[in-house]
C-alpha atoms as a PDB file:
ATOM      1  CA  MET A   1       6.388  33.348 -22.619  1.00  0.00           C
ATOM      2  CA  THR A   2       9.392  34.198 -20.471  1.00  0.00           C
ATOM      3  CA  THR A   3      12.721  32.768 -21.625  1.00  0.00           C
ATOM      4  CA  LEU A   4      16.187  32.715 -20.094  1.00  0.00           C
ATOM      5  CA  LYS A   5      18.597  35.255 -21.446  1.00  0.00           C
ATOM      6  CA  ASP A   6      21.119  33.603 -23.763  1.00  0.00           C
ATOM      7  CA  THR A   7      24.522  34.729 -22.470  1.00  0.00           C
ATOM      8  CA  GLY A   8      26.563  32.007 -24.109  1.00  0.00           C
ATOM      9  CA  ALA A   9      27.437  30.648 -20.681  1.00  0.00           C
ATOM     10  CA  PRO A  10      27.289  26.885 -20.157  1.00  0.00           C
ATOM     11  CA  PRO A  11      24.087  25.487 -18.663  1.00  0.00           C
ATOM     12  CA  GLY A  12      24.156  25.428 -14.873  1.00  0.00           C
ATOM     13  CA  THR A  13      26.335  28.533 -14.475  1.00  0.00           C
ATOM     14  CA  ALA A  14      25.220  31.503 -12.418  1.00  0.00           C
ATOM     15  CA  GLU A  15      24.773  33.582 -15.566  1.00  0.00           C
ATOM     16  CA  ASN A  16      22.413  31.185 -17.287  1.00  0.00           C
ATOM     17  CA  SER A  17      20.362  29.493 -14.586  1.00  0.00           C
ATOM     18  CA  ALA A  18      18.669  29.974 -11.261  1.00  0.00           C
ATOM     19  CA  PRO A  19      20.773  29.264  -8.136  1.00  0.00           C
ATOM     20  CA  LEU A  20      20.969  25.595  -7.271  1.00  0.00           C
ATOM     21  CA  PRO A  21      18.867  24.690  -4.216  1.00  0.00           C
ATOM     22  CA  ARG A  22      20.675  23.919  -0.979  1.00  0.00           C
ATOM     23  CA  PRO A  23      20.531  20.300   0.170  1.00  0.00           C
ATOM     24  CA  ALA A  24      17.829  19.592   2.725  1.00  0.00           C
ATOM     25  CA  ALA A  25      18.737  19.305   6.392  1.00  0.00           C
ATOM     26  CA  THR A  26      19.470  15.637   7.075  1.00  0.00           C
ATOM     27  CA  PRO A  27      19.777  13.957  10.498  1.00  0.00           C
ATOM     28  CA  MET A  28      22.850  11.898  11.340  1.00  0.00           C
ATOM     29  CA  ALA A  29      20.784   8.715  11.672  1.00  0.00           C
ATOM     30  CA  ARG A  30      19.602   9.158   8.077  1.00  0.00           C
ATOM     31  CA  ALA A  31      23.184   9.548   6.839  1.00  0.00           C
ATOM     32  CA  LEU A  32      24.251   6.383   8.662  1.00  0.00           C
ATOM     33  CA  ASN A  33      21.310   4.530   7.139  1.00  0.00           C
ATOM     34  CA  GLN A  34      22.300   5.769   3.689  1.00  0.00           C
ATOM     35  CA  ALA A  35      25.904   4.675   4.239  1.00  0.00           C
ATOM     36  CA  LEU A  36      24.767   1.141   5.066  1.00  0.00           C
ATOM     37  CA  ARG A  37      22.375   1.069   2.102  1.00  0.00           C
ATOM     38  CA  ASP A  38      25.007   2.330  -0.344  1.00  0.00           C
ATOM     39  CA  ALA A  39      27.636  -0.090   0.968  1.00  0.00           C
ATOM     40  CA  MET A  40      25.228  -3.038   0.673  1.00  0.00           C
ATOM     41  CA  SER A  41      24.258  -1.972  -2.840  1.00  0.00           C
ATOM     42  CA  ALA A  42      27.874  -1.647  -3.930  1.00  0.00           C
ATOM     43  CA  ASP A  43      29.161  -4.896  -2.397  1.00  0.00           C
ATOM     44  CA  ALA A  44      27.163  -8.098  -1.929  1.00  0.00           C
ATOM     45  CA  SER A  45      29.621  -9.244   0.750  1.00  0.00           C
ATOM     46  CA  VAL A  46      28.398  -6.542   3.164  1.00  0.00           C
ATOM     47  CA  HIS A  47      26.009  -8.012   5.734  1.00  0.00           C
ATOM     48  CA  VAL A  48      24.307  -6.276   8.672  1.00  0.00           C
ATOM     49  CA  LEU A  49      23.449  -8.206  11.817  1.00  0.00           C
ATOM     50  CA  GLY A  50      22.336  -7.435  15.344  1.00  0.00           C
ATOM     51  CA  GLU A  51      19.419  -7.230  17.737  1.00  0.00           C
ATOM     52  CA  ASP A  52      16.275  -5.760  16.115  1.00  0.00           C
ATOM     53  CA  VAL A  53      18.127  -4.495  13.036  1.00  0.00           C
ATOM     54  CA  GLY A  54      15.676  -6.195  10.664  1.00  0.00           C
ATOM     55  CA  ALA A  55      11.944  -5.603  10.823  1.00  0.00           C
ATOM     56  CA  LEU A  56      12.194  -2.917  13.517  1.00  0.00           C
ATOM     57  CA  GLY A  57      15.043  -1.106  11.798  1.00  0.00           C
ATOM     58  CA  GLY A  58      17.073  -0.808  14.983  1.00  0.00           C
ATOM     59  CA  VAL A  59      16.229   0.970  18.226  1.00  0.00           C
ATOM     60  CA  PHE A  60      17.353   4.257  16.651  1.00  0.00           C
ATOM     61  CA  ARG A  61      16.065   3.286  13.169  1.00  0.00           C
ATOM     62  CA  VAL A  62      19.542   3.398  11.648  1.00  0.00           C
ATOM     63  CA  THR A  63      18.894   0.120   9.772  1.00  0.00           C
ATOM     64  CA  ASP A  64      15.348   1.076   8.775  1.00  0.00           C
ATOM     65  CA  GLY A  65      14.273  -0.488   5.471  1.00  0.00           C
ATOM     66  CA  LEU A  66      17.426  -2.536   4.896  1.00  0.00           C
ATOM     67  CA  ALA A  67      15.807  -5.926   5.526  1.00  0.00           C
ATOM     68  CA  ALA A  68      12.960  -5.100   3.161  1.00  0.00           C
ATOM     69  CA  GLU A  69      15.373  -3.994   0.444  1.00  0.00           C
ATOM     70  CA  PHE A  70      18.130  -6.580   0.763  1.00  0.00           C
ATOM     71  CA  GLY A  71      16.388  -9.472   2.470  1.00  0.00           C
ATOM     72  CA  GLU A  72      16.777 -11.040   5.887  1.00  0.00           C
ATOM     73  CA  ASP A  73      19.845 -12.981   4.770  1.00  0.00           C
ATOM     74  CA  ARG A  74      21.781  -9.711   4.508  1.00  0.00           C
ATOM     75  CA  CYS A  75      20.112  -7.720   7.289  1.00  0.00           C
ATOM     76  CA  THR A  76      19.641 -10.281  10.010  1.00  0.00           C
ATOM     77  CA  ASP A  77      17.913 -10.113  13.380  1.00  0.00           C
ATOM     78  CA  THR A  78      19.909 -12.047  15.955  1.00  0.00           C
ATOM     79  CA  PRO A  79      19.195 -13.467  19.414  1.00  0.00           C
ATOM     80  CA  LEU A  80      20.027 -11.333  22.446  1.00  0.00           C
ATOM     81  CA  ALA A  81      23.533 -12.771  22.675  1.00  0.00           C
ATOM     82  CA  GLU A  82      26.257 -10.220  22.014  1.00  0.00           C
ATOM     83  CA  ALA A  83      29.167 -12.656  22.323  1.00  0.00           C
ATOM     84  CA  GLY A  84      27.437 -14.940  19.831  1.00  0.00           C
ATOM     85  CA  ILE A  85      26.697 -12.064  17.454  1.00  0.00           C
ATOM     86  CA  LEU A  86      30.303 -10.928  17.327  1.00  0.00           C
ATOM     87  CA  GLY A  87      31.678 -14.475  17.259  1.00  0.00           C
ATOM     88  CA  THR A  88      29.467 -15.173  14.249  1.00  0.00           C
ATOM     89  CA  ALA A  89      30.727 -11.994  12.581  1.00  0.00           C
ATOM     90  CA  VAL A  90      34.329 -13.092  13.125  1.00  0.00           C
ATOM     91  CA  GLY A  91      33.610 -16.317  11.258  1.00  0.00           C
ATOM     92  CA  MET A  92      31.831 -14.433   8.474  1.00  0.00           C
ATOM     93  CA  ALA A  93      34.807 -12.095   8.018  1.00  0.00           C
ATOM     94  CA  MET A  94      37.257 -15.007   8.001  1.00  0.00           C
ATOM     95  CA  TYR A  95      35.313 -16.500   5.084  1.00  0.00           C
ATOM     96  CA  GLY A  96      35.348 -13.342   2.979  1.00  0.00           C
ATOM     97  CA  LEU A  97      32.242 -11.414   4.024  1.00  0.00           C
ATOM     98  CA  ARG A  98      32.158  -7.868   5.412  1.00  0.00           C
ATOM     99  CA  PRO A  99      29.870  -8.007   8.460  1.00  0.00           C
ATOM    100  CA  VAL A 100      28.593  -4.836  10.103  1.00  0.00           C
ATOM    101  CA  VAL A 101      27.510  -5.635  13.650  1.00  0.00           C
ATOM    102  CA  GLU A 102      25.177  -3.381  15.613  1.00  0.00           C
ATOM    103  CA  MET A 103      25.523  -3.447  19.374  1.00  0.00           C
ATOM    104  CA  GLN A 104      22.207  -1.995  20.478  1.00  0.00           C
ATOM    105  CA  PHE A 105      23.737   0.153  23.235  1.00  0.00           C
ATOM    106  CA  ASP A 106      27.321   0.867  24.295  1.00  0.00           C
ATOM    107  CA  ALA A 107      27.387  -1.242  27.463  1.00  0.00           C
ATOM    108  CA  PHE A 108      25.546  -4.119  25.793  1.00  0.00           C
ATOM    109  CA  ALA A 109      28.873  -4.844  24.076  1.00  0.00           C
ATOM    110  CA  TYR A 110      30.615  -5.881  27.291  1.00  0.00           C
ATOM    111  CA  PRO A 111      29.621  -9.578  27.041  1.00  0.00           C
ATOM    112  CA  ALA A 112      31.298  -9.585  23.592  1.00  0.00           C
ATOM    113  CA  PHE A 113      34.508  -7.947  24.806  1.00  0.00           C
ATOM    114  CA  GLU A 114      36.397 -11.242  24.931  1.00  0.00           C
ATOM    115  CA  GLN A 115      35.686 -11.724  21.230  1.00  0.00           C
ATOM    116  CA  VAL A 116      36.975  -8.204  20.550  1.00  0.00           C
ATOM    117  CA  VAL A 117      40.218  -8.626  22.486  1.00  0.00           C
ATOM    118  CA  SER A 118      41.010 -12.259  21.699  1.00  0.00           C
ATOM    119  CA  HIS A 119      39.944 -12.529  18.066  1.00  0.00           C
ATOM    120  CA  VAL A 120      38.745  -9.345  16.343  1.00  0.00           C
ATOM    121  CA  ALA A 121      41.823  -7.337  17.294  1.00  0.00           C
ATOM    122  CA  LYS A 122      44.361 -10.140  16.881  1.00  0.00           C
ATOM    123  CA  MET A 123      43.376 -12.207  13.853  1.00  0.00           C
ATOM    124  CA  ARG A 124      45.436 -10.294  11.302  1.00  0.00           C
ATOM    125  CA  ASN A 125      48.530 -10.298  13.501  1.00  0.00           C
ATOM    126  CA  ARG A 126      47.988 -13.925  14.507  1.00  0.00           C
ATOM    127  CA  THR A 127      48.060 -14.994  10.842  1.00  0.00           C
ATOM    128  CA  ARG A 128      50.987 -12.709   9.927  1.00  0.00           C
ATOM    129  CA  GLY A 129      48.682 -10.651   7.734  1.00  0.00           C
ATOM    130  CA  ALA A 130      47.313 -13.606   5.779  1.00  0.00           C
ATOM    131  CA  LEU A 131      43.809 -13.275   7.216  1.00  0.00           C
ATOM    132  CA  PRO A 132      42.477  -9.720   7.470  1.00  0.00           C
ATOM    133  CA  LEU A 133      39.273  -9.160   9.397  1.00  0.00           C
ATOM    134  CA  PRO A 134      37.065  -6.614   7.563  1.00  0.00           C
ATOM    135  CA  LEU A 135      34.520  -6.187  10.340  1.00  0.00           C
ATOM    136  CA  VAL A 136      32.720  -3.135  11.723  1.00  0.00           C
ATOM    137  CA  VAL A 137      31.183  -2.950  15.187  1.00  0.00           C
ATOM    138  CA  ARG A 138      28.652  -0.106  15.247  1.00  0.00           C
ATOM    139  CA  MET A 139      27.955   1.113  18.737  1.00  0.00           C
ATOM    140  CA  PRO A 140      25.627   3.910  19.914  1.00  0.00           C
ATOM    141  CA  TYR A 141      27.476   5.493  22.832  1.00  0.00           C
ATOM    142  CA  GLY A 142      27.442   8.367  25.291  1.00  0.00           C
ATOM    143  CA  GLY A 143      24.763  10.102  27.314  1.00  0.00           C
ATOM    144  CA  GLY A 144      22.397  12.993  26.970  1.00  0.00           C
ATOM    145  CA  ILE A 145      19.240  11.037  26.129  1.00  0.00           C
ATOM    146  CA  GLY A 146      17.971  10.260  29.638  1.00  0.00           C
ATOM    147  CA  GLY A 147      19.117   6.654  29.448  1.00  0.00           C
ATOM    148  CA  VAL A 148      19.772   4.537  32.504  1.00  0.00           C
ATOM    149  CA  GLU A 149      22.800   2.450  33.445  1.00  0.00           C
ATOM    150  CA  HIS A 150      24.117   0.288  30.575  1.00  0.00           C
ATOM    151  CA  HIS A 151      22.520   2.656  28.049  1.00  0.00           C
ATOM    152  CA  SER A 152      24.777   5.718  28.266  1.00  0.00           C
ATOM    153  CA  ASP A 153      28.372   4.537  28.697  1.00  0.00           C
ATOM    154  CA  SER A 154      31.387   6.067  26.982  1.00  0.00           C
ATOM    155  CA  SER A 155      33.597   3.011  26.686  1.00  0.00           C
ATOM    156  CA  GLU A 156      36.022   4.186  24.007  1.00  0.00           C
ATOM    157  CA  ALA A 157      39.079   3.883  26.284  1.00  0.00           C
ATOM    158  CA  TYR A 158      38.715   0.078  26.357  1.00  0.00           C
ATOM    159  CA  TYR A 159      38.916  -0.142  22.578  1.00  0.00           C
ATOM    160  CA  MET A 160      41.642   2.485  22.252  1.00  0.00           C
ATOM    161  CA  ALA A 161      43.796   0.386  24.601  1.00  0.00           C
ATOM    162  CA  THR A 162      43.344  -2.756  22.475  1.00  0.00           C
ATOM    163  CA  PRO A 163      46.016  -2.940  19.726  1.00  0.00           C
ATOM    164  CA  GLY A 164      44.676  -4.121  16.398  1.00  0.00           C
ATOM    165  CA  LEU A 165      41.513  -2.016  16.305  1.00  0.00           C
ATOM    166  CA  HIS A 166      40.636   1.208  14.567  1.00  0.00           C
ATOM    167  CA  VAL A 167      38.356   3.407  16.684  1.00  0.00           C
ATOM    168  CA  VAL A 168      36.409   6.233  15.049  1.00  0.00           C
ATOM    169  CA  THR A 169      33.537   8.494  16.071  1.00  0.00           C
ATOM    170  CA  PRO A 170      31.724  11.013  13.849  1.00  0.00           C
ATOM    171  CA  ALA A 171      30.305  14.280  15.121  1.00  0.00           C
ATOM    172  CA  THR A 172      28.808  15.624  11.885  1.00  0.00           C
ATOM    173  CA  VAL A 173      26.319  14.312   9.343  1.00  0.00           C
ATOM    174  CA  ALA A 174      28.914  14.243   6.558  1.00  0.00           C
ATOM    175  CA  ASP A 175      31.383  12.323   8.737  1.00  0.00           C
ATOM    176  CA  ALA A 176      28.692   9.858   9.799  1.00  0.00           C
ATOM    177  CA  TYR A 177      28.282   8.828   6.161  1.00  0.00           C
ATOM    178  CA  GLY A 178      31.890   9.139   5.038  1.00  0.00           C
ATOM    179  CA  LEU A 179      33.561   7.473   8.002  1.00  0.00           C
ATOM    180  CA  LEU A 180      31.087   4.573   8.024  1.00  0.00           C
ATOM    181  CA  ARG A 181      31.667   3.927   4.318  1.00  0.00           C
ATOM    182  CA  ALA A 182      35.432   4.014   4.961  1.00  0.00           C
ATOM    183  CA  ALA A 183      35.090   1.679   7.948  1.00  0.00           C
ATOM    184  CA  ILE A 184      33.112  -0.881   5.932  1.00  0.00           C
ATOM    185  CA  ALA A 185      35.665  -0.719   3.108  1.00  0.00           C
ATOM    186  CA  SER A 186      38.612  -1.190   5.486  1.00  0.00           C
ATOM    187  CA  ASP A 187      40.313  -4.560   5.789  1.00  0.00           C
ATOM    188  CA  ASP A 188      41.024  -3.800   9.456  1.00  0.00           C
ATOM    189  CA  PRO A 189      38.384  -4.158  12.185  1.00  0.00           C
ATOM    190  CA  VAL A 190      36.762  -0.855  13.129  1.00  0.00           C
ATOM    191  CA  VAL A 191      34.884   0.025  16.307  1.00  0.00           C
ATOM    192  CA  PHE A 192      32.483   2.689  15.046  1.00  0.00           C
ATOM    193  CA  LEU A 193      31.161   4.773  17.925  1.00  0.00           C
ATOM    194  CA  GLU A 194      27.967   6.682  17.130  1.00  0.00           C
ATOM    195  CA  PRO A 195      27.084   9.542  19.523  1.00  0.00           C
ATOM    196  CA  LYS A 196      23.459   8.728  20.177  1.00  0.00           C
ATOM    197  CA  ARG A 197      22.478  12.210  21.318  1.00  0.00           C
ATOM    198  CA  LEU A 198      23.547  13.501  17.882  1.00  0.00           C
ATOM    199  CA  TYR A 199      21.454  10.969  15.921  1.00  0.00           C
ATOM    200  CA  TRP A 200      18.821  13.624  15.222  1.00  0.00           C
ATOM    201  CA  SER A 201      21.180  16.573  14.798  1.00  0.00           C
ATOM    202  CA  LYS A 202      20.815  17.920  11.272  1.00  0.00           C
ATOM    203  CA  ASP A 203      22.995  19.493   8.634  1.00  0.00           C
ATOM    204  CA  ALA A 204      22.687  20.355   4.954  1.00  0.00           C
ATOM    205  CA  TRP A 205      23.745  17.120   3.277  1.00  0.00           C
ATOM    206  CA  ASP A 206      22.820  15.565  -0.049  1.00  0.00           C
ATOM    207  CA  PRO A 207      22.540  11.734  -0.056  1.00  0.00           C
ATOM    208  CA  GLU A 208      22.762  11.777  -3.857  1.00  0.00           C
ATOM    209  CA  GLU A 209      26.109  13.597  -3.762  1.00  0.00           C
ATOM    210  CA  PRO A 210      27.681  12.995  -0.325  1.00  0.00           C
ATOM    211  CA  ASP A 211      30.424  15.379   0.700  1.00  0.00           C
ATOM    212  CA  ALA A 212      33.931  13.945   0.607  1.00  0.00           C
ATOM    213  CA  VAL A 213      35.491  13.766   4.073  1.00  0.00           C
ATOM    214  CA  PRO A 214      39.056  13.145   5.284  1.00  0.00           C
ATOM    215  CA  PRO A 215      39.979   9.480   5.766  1.00  0.00           C
ATOM    216  CA  ILE A 216      40.160   7.511   8.981  1.00  0.00           C
ATOM    217  CA  GLY A 217      43.185   8.710  10.917  1.00  0.00           C
ATOM    218  CA  ARG A 218      42.765  12.441  10.259  1.00  0.00           C
ATOM    219  CA  ALA A 219      41.487  15.138  12.615  1.00  0.00           C
ATOM    220  CA  VAL A 220      39.762  18.309  11.392  1.00  0.00           C
ATOM    221  CA  VAL A 221      39.895  21.895  12.664  1.00  0.00           C
ATOM    222  CA  ARG A 222      36.222  22.814  12.991  1.00  0.00           C
ATOM    223  CA  ARG A 223      36.854  26.336  14.267  1.00  0.00           C
ATOM    224  CA  PRO A 224      40.141  28.208  13.825  1.00  0.00           C
ATOM    225  CA  GLY A 225      41.452  30.183  16.789  1.00  0.00           C
ATOM    226  CA  ARG A 226      44.628  31.655  18.200  1.00  0.00           C
ATOM    227  CA  ASP A 227      44.461  31.614  22.022  1.00  0.00           C
ATOM    228  CA  ALA A 228      43.866  27.952  23.025  1.00  0.00           C
ATOM    229  CA  THR A 229      42.873  24.620  21.485  1.00  0.00           C
ATOM    230  CA  LEU A 230      39.882  22.510  22.469  1.00  0.00           C
ATOM    231  CA  LEU A 231      40.518  18.849  21.551  1.00  0.00           C
ATOM    232  CA  THR A 232      37.324  16.820  21.390  1.00  0.00           C
ATOM    233  CA  TYR A 233      35.273  14.283  19.468  1.00  0.00           C
ATOM    234  CA  GLY A 234      31.800  12.795  19.074  1.00  0.00           C
ATOM    235  CA  PRO A 235      29.076  14.148  21.370  1.00  0.00           C
ATOM    236  CA  SER A 236      31.337  16.801  22.907  1.00  0.00           C
ATOM    237  CA  LEU A 237      31.989  18.654  19.642  1.00  0.00           C
ATOM    238  CA  PRO A 238      28.790  20.780  19.818  1.00  0.00           C
ATOM    239  CA  VAL A 239      29.616  21.547  23.467  1.00  0.00           C
ATOM    240  CA  CYS A 240      33.058  22.838  22.503  1.00  0.00           C
ATOM    241  CA  MET A 241      31.713  24.839  19.567  1.00  0.00           C
ATOM    242  CA  ALA A 242      29.205  26.523  21.891  1.00  0.00           C
ATOM    243  CA  ALA A 243      31.937  27.161  24.477  1.00  0.00           C
ATOM    244  CA  ALA A 244      34.174  28.743  21.838  1.00  0.00           C
ATOM    245  CA  GLU A 245      31.442  31.147  20.758  1.00  0.00           C
ATOM    246  CA  GLU A 246      30.712  32.091  24.369  1.00  0.00           C
ATOM    247  CA  ALA A 247      34.438  32.585  25.063  1.00  0.00           C
ATOM    248  CA  VAL A 248      34.677  35.227  22.352  1.00  0.00           C
ATOM    249  CA  ARG A 249      31.601  37.054  23.620  1.00  0.00           C
ATOM    250  CA  ALA A 250      32.339  36.933  27.341  1.00  0.00           C
ATOM    251  CA  ASP A 251      36.123  36.954  27.632  1.00  0.00           C
ATOM    252  CA  GLY A 252      37.603  37.720  24.232  1.00  0.00           C
ATOM    253  CA  TRP A 253      39.342  34.328  23.991  1.00  0.00           C
ATOM    254  CA  ASP A 254      39.639  33.001  20.458  1.00  0.00           C
ATOM    255  CA  LEU A 255      39.490  29.218  20.841  1.00  0.00           C
ATOM    256  CA  GLU A 256      40.401  26.695  18.159  1.00  0.00           C
ATOM    257  CA  VAL A 257      38.262  23.542  18.099  1.00  0.00           C
ATOM    258  CA  VAL A 258      39.766  20.309  16.754  1.00  0.00           C
ATOM    259  CA  ASP A 259      37.458  17.375  16.033  1.00  0.00           C
ATOM    260  CA  LEU A 260      39.606  14.254  16.466  1.00  0.00           C
ATOM    261  CA  ARG A 261      37.177  11.986  14.520  1.00  0.00           C
ATOM    262  CA  SER A 262      39.629   9.078  14.672  1.00  0.00           C
ATOM    263  CA  LEU A 263      40.879   7.995  18.097  1.00  0.00           C
ATOM    264  CA  VAL A 264      42.925   5.135  16.613  1.00  0.00           C
ATOM    265  CA  PRO A 265      44.852   5.879  14.442  1.00  0.00           C
ATOM    266  CA  PHE A 266      45.463   9.220  16.171  1.00  0.00           C
ATOM    267  CA  ASP A 267      46.340  12.323  14.174  1.00  0.00           C
ATOM    268  CA  ASP A 268      49.310  13.716  16.105  1.00  0.00           C
ATOM    269  CA  GLU A 269      50.196  16.005  13.191  1.00  0.00           C
ATOM    270  CA  THR A 270      46.979  18.048  13.142  1.00  0.00           C
ATOM    271  CA  VAL A 271      46.621  18.090  16.928  1.00  0.00           C
ATOM    272  CA  CYS A 272      50.189  19.178  17.609  1.00  0.00           C
ATOM    273  CA  ALA A 273      50.192  21.791  14.860  1.00  0.00           C
ATOM    274  CA  SER A 274      47.188  23.412  16.524  1.00  0.00           C
ATOM    275  CA  VAL A 275      48.601  23.277  20.059  1.00  0.00           C
ATOM    276  CA  ARG A 276      51.997  24.593  18.978  1.00  0.00           C
ATOM    277  CA  ARG A 277      50.213  27.515  17.359  1.00  0.00           C
ATOM    278  CA  THR A 278      47.959  28.394  20.327  1.00  0.00           C
ATOM    279  CA  GLY A 279      50.210  27.287  23.217  1.00  0.00           C
ATOM    280  CA  ARG A 280      47.330  26.014  25.357  1.00  0.00           C
ATOM    281  CA  ALA A 281      45.021  22.985  25.208  1.00  0.00           C
ATOM    282  CA  VAL A 282      41.965  21.477  26.891  1.00  0.00           C
ATOM    283  CA  VAL A 283      40.744  17.937  26.140  1.00  0.00           C
ATOM    284  CA  VAL A 284      36.974  17.435  26.402  1.00  0.00           C
ATOM    285  CA  HIS A 285      35.060  14.145  26.443  1.00  0.00           C
ATOM    286  CA  GLU A 286      32.195  12.383  28.258  1.00  0.00           C
ATOM    287  CA  SER A 287      34.234   9.347  29.314  1.00  0.00           C
ATOM    288  CA  SER A 288      35.658   9.219  32.825  1.00  0.00           C
ATOM    289  CA  GLY A 289      38.777  11.236  33.552  1.00  0.00           C
ATOM    290  CA  PHE A 290      40.984   8.696  35.333  1.00  0.00           C
ATOM    291  CA  GLY A 291      42.671   6.523  32.698  1.00  0.00           C
ATOM    292  CA  GLY A 292      40.356   7.958  30.057  1.00  0.00           C
ATOM    293  CA  PRO A 293      41.100   9.016  26.474  1.00  0.00           C
ATOM    294  CA  GLY A 294      42.053  12.499  27.646  1.00  0.00           C
ATOM    295  CA  ALA A 295      44.934  11.109  29.675  1.00  0.00           C
ATOM    296  CA  GLU A 296      46.534   9.591  26.580  1.00  0.00           C
ATOM    297  CA  ILE A 297      45.809  12.671  24.481  1.00  0.00           C
ATOM    298  CA  ALA A 298      47.250  15.030  27.109  1.00  0.00           C
ATOM    299  CA  ALA A 299      50.366  12.867  27.417  1.00  0.00           C
ATOM    300  CA  ARG A 300      50.919  12.823  23.651  1.00  0.00           C
ATOM    301  CA  VAL A 301      50.488  16.586  23.404  1.00  0.00           C
ATOM    302  CA  THR A 302      52.803  17.235  26.347  1.00  0.00           C
ATOM    303  CA  GLU A 303      55.513  14.939  24.981  1.00  0.00           C
ATOM    304  CA  ARG A 304      55.423  16.528  21.531  1.00  0.00           C
ATOM    305  CA  CYS A 305      54.634  20.172  22.349  1.00  0.00           C
ATOM    306  CA  PHE A 306      56.253  20.742  25.751  1.00  0.00           C
ATOM    307  CA  HIS A 307      58.363  23.740  24.751  1.00  0.00           C
ATOM    308  CA  HIS A 308      55.392  25.393  23.048  1.00  0.00           C
ATOM    309  CA  LEU A 309      53.029  25.129  26.018  1.00  0.00           C
ATOM    310  CA  ALA A 310      52.221  28.194  28.116  1.00  0.00           C
ATOM    311  CA  ALA A 311      50.206  26.068  30.592  1.00  0.00           C
ATOM    312  CA  PRO A 312      49.589  22.412  31.442  1.00  0.00           C
ATOM    313  CA  VAL A 313      47.138  20.522  29.243  1.00  0.00           C
ATOM    314  CA  LEU A 314      43.824  20.303  31.117  1.00  0.00           C
ATOM    315  CA  ARG A 315      40.902  17.877  30.837  1.00  0.00           C
ATOM    316  CA  VAL A 316      37.141  18.285  31.123  1.00  0.00           C
ATOM    317  CA  THR A 317      35.502  14.869  31.417  1.00  0.00           C
ATOM    318  CA  GLY A 318      32.707  12.835  32.904  1.00  0.00           C
ATOM    319  CA  PHE A 319      33.180  12.101  36.590  1.00  0.00           C
ATOM    320  CA  ASP A 320      34.830   8.922  37.844  1.00  0.00           C
ATOM    321  CA  VAL A 321      31.529   7.293  38.803  1.00  0.00           C
ATOM    322  CA  PRO A 322      29.163   4.804  37.169  1.00  0.00           C
ATOM    323  CA  TYR A 323      26.794   6.606  34.837  1.00  0.00           C
ATOM    324  CA  PRO A 324      24.232   8.464  36.962  1.00  0.00           C
ATOM    325  CA  PRO A 325      20.417   8.305  36.820  1.00  0.00           C
ATOM    326  CA  PRO A 326      18.740  10.402  34.100  1.00  0.00           C
ATOM    327  CA  LEU A 327      17.811  13.291  36.410  1.00  0.00           C
ATOM    328  CA  LEU A 328      21.469  13.725  37.375  1.00  0.00           C
ATOM    329  CA  GLU A 329      23.212  13.215  34.041  1.00  0.00           C
ATOM    330  CA  HIS A 330      23.396  16.943  33.299  1.00  0.00           C
ATOM    331  CA  HIS A 331      25.779  17.267  36.280  1.00  0.00           C
ATOM    332  CA  HIS A 332      27.942  14.431  34.930  1.00  0.00           C
ATOM    333  CA  LEU A 333      28.231  15.470  31.300  1.00  0.00           C
ATOM    334  CA  PRO A 334      30.762  18.179  30.355  1.00  0.00           C
ATOM    335  CA  GLY A 335      29.008  21.387  29.380  1.00  0.00           C
ATOM    336  CA  ALA A 336      30.161  24.710  27.974  1.00  0.00           C
ATOM    337  CA  GLU A 337      30.423  26.206  31.466  1.00  0.00           C
ATOM    338  CA  ARG A 338      32.857  23.521  32.650  1.00  0.00           C
ATOM    339  CA  VAL A 339      34.870  23.910  29.462  1.00  0.00           C
ATOM    340  CA  LEU A 340      35.179  27.661  29.994  1.00  0.00           C
ATOM    341  CA  ASP A 341      36.158  27.115  33.636  1.00  0.00           C
ATOM    342  CA  ALA A 342      39.064  24.981  32.409  1.00  0.00           C
ATOM    343  CA  VAL A 343      40.047  27.563  29.802  1.00  0.00           C
ATOM    344  CA  ALA A 344      40.137  30.186  32.551  1.00  0.00           C
ATOM    345  CA  ARG A 345      42.704  28.047  34.413  1.00  0.00           C
ATOM    346  CA  LEU A 346      45.203  28.014  31.539  1.00  0.00           C
ATOM    347  CA  GLN A 347      47.539  30.477  33.312  1.00  0.00           C
ATOM    348  CA  TRP A 348      46.632  33.520  31.244  1.00  0.00           C
ATOM    349  CA  GLU A 349      48.443  35.750  33.709  1.00  0.00           C
ATOM    350  CA  GLN A 350      51.683  34.145  32.505  1.00  0.00           C
ATOM    351  CA  GLY A 351      50.907  35.377  28.998  1.00  0.00           C
END
């Protein structure tokens, strides 16, 4: 019989055991589902509600199995009435529950926007802090899945411009779990934007031991670099990572990629530290350019980093048109080629 060599090392060390297996590749949708399940297990006040979240498990199966495990009182199918769904959630939060609302698609939330602006965002301020509103609005957003109008919007600018809301968007499997758990635990209302084209992107992640992630309000440098900074979030992170790799190969540019993660609160410290170091910046997102998130980000960077900039801050965005038909969306969505075109316009001759 073969036995392990006794080295005197503690069990589980490299000297006295086989290497630990790597966690299996897990899709983002699975991590979101696990975050909801763990939050509901840990706190009976957490309730999930929305269209088809119960028996169907959601259009993207993010709520799969929750109704069977926790009952229909805690994972509740609602009528097709977004204003009513969110209005109900406001009342639930006022009475001490922690509702997690699913808006089936990004643009389906527009009928509920009055509830967001008039009540969700203002309740805590209206009551001088006496009545917090621990409410999460989960929202699949963005394009890239061949969806038609009202199924592929990037509406984050509306929520960013509404004081009283936190606005976050994960781009990795670990962040999908960690940021959603943080959003549910927050006493402030959170608009949680889920990039639908990344739902089935996978990464090594262990649901039994989830990786710790930075809190809401912190950006993360996903790729260090020295020549220019790409500022991005959500569905555009893989685009920027691909562009950065191509930039090294084709042009020798070493691009830093910053994943914003949290649009409100915004991490000026991490963003500005990167731009001051590289001296150049490009903001990349799917939302429209005019009045979009990139306009605010570029303004903040310019105000805080002006004397460190070797070139104006540029933007690569979706076009200023309603979302196009599926066969044309690849022209609308920022790709690595458009990102590299912007990088090429960062006045390198001045360097």
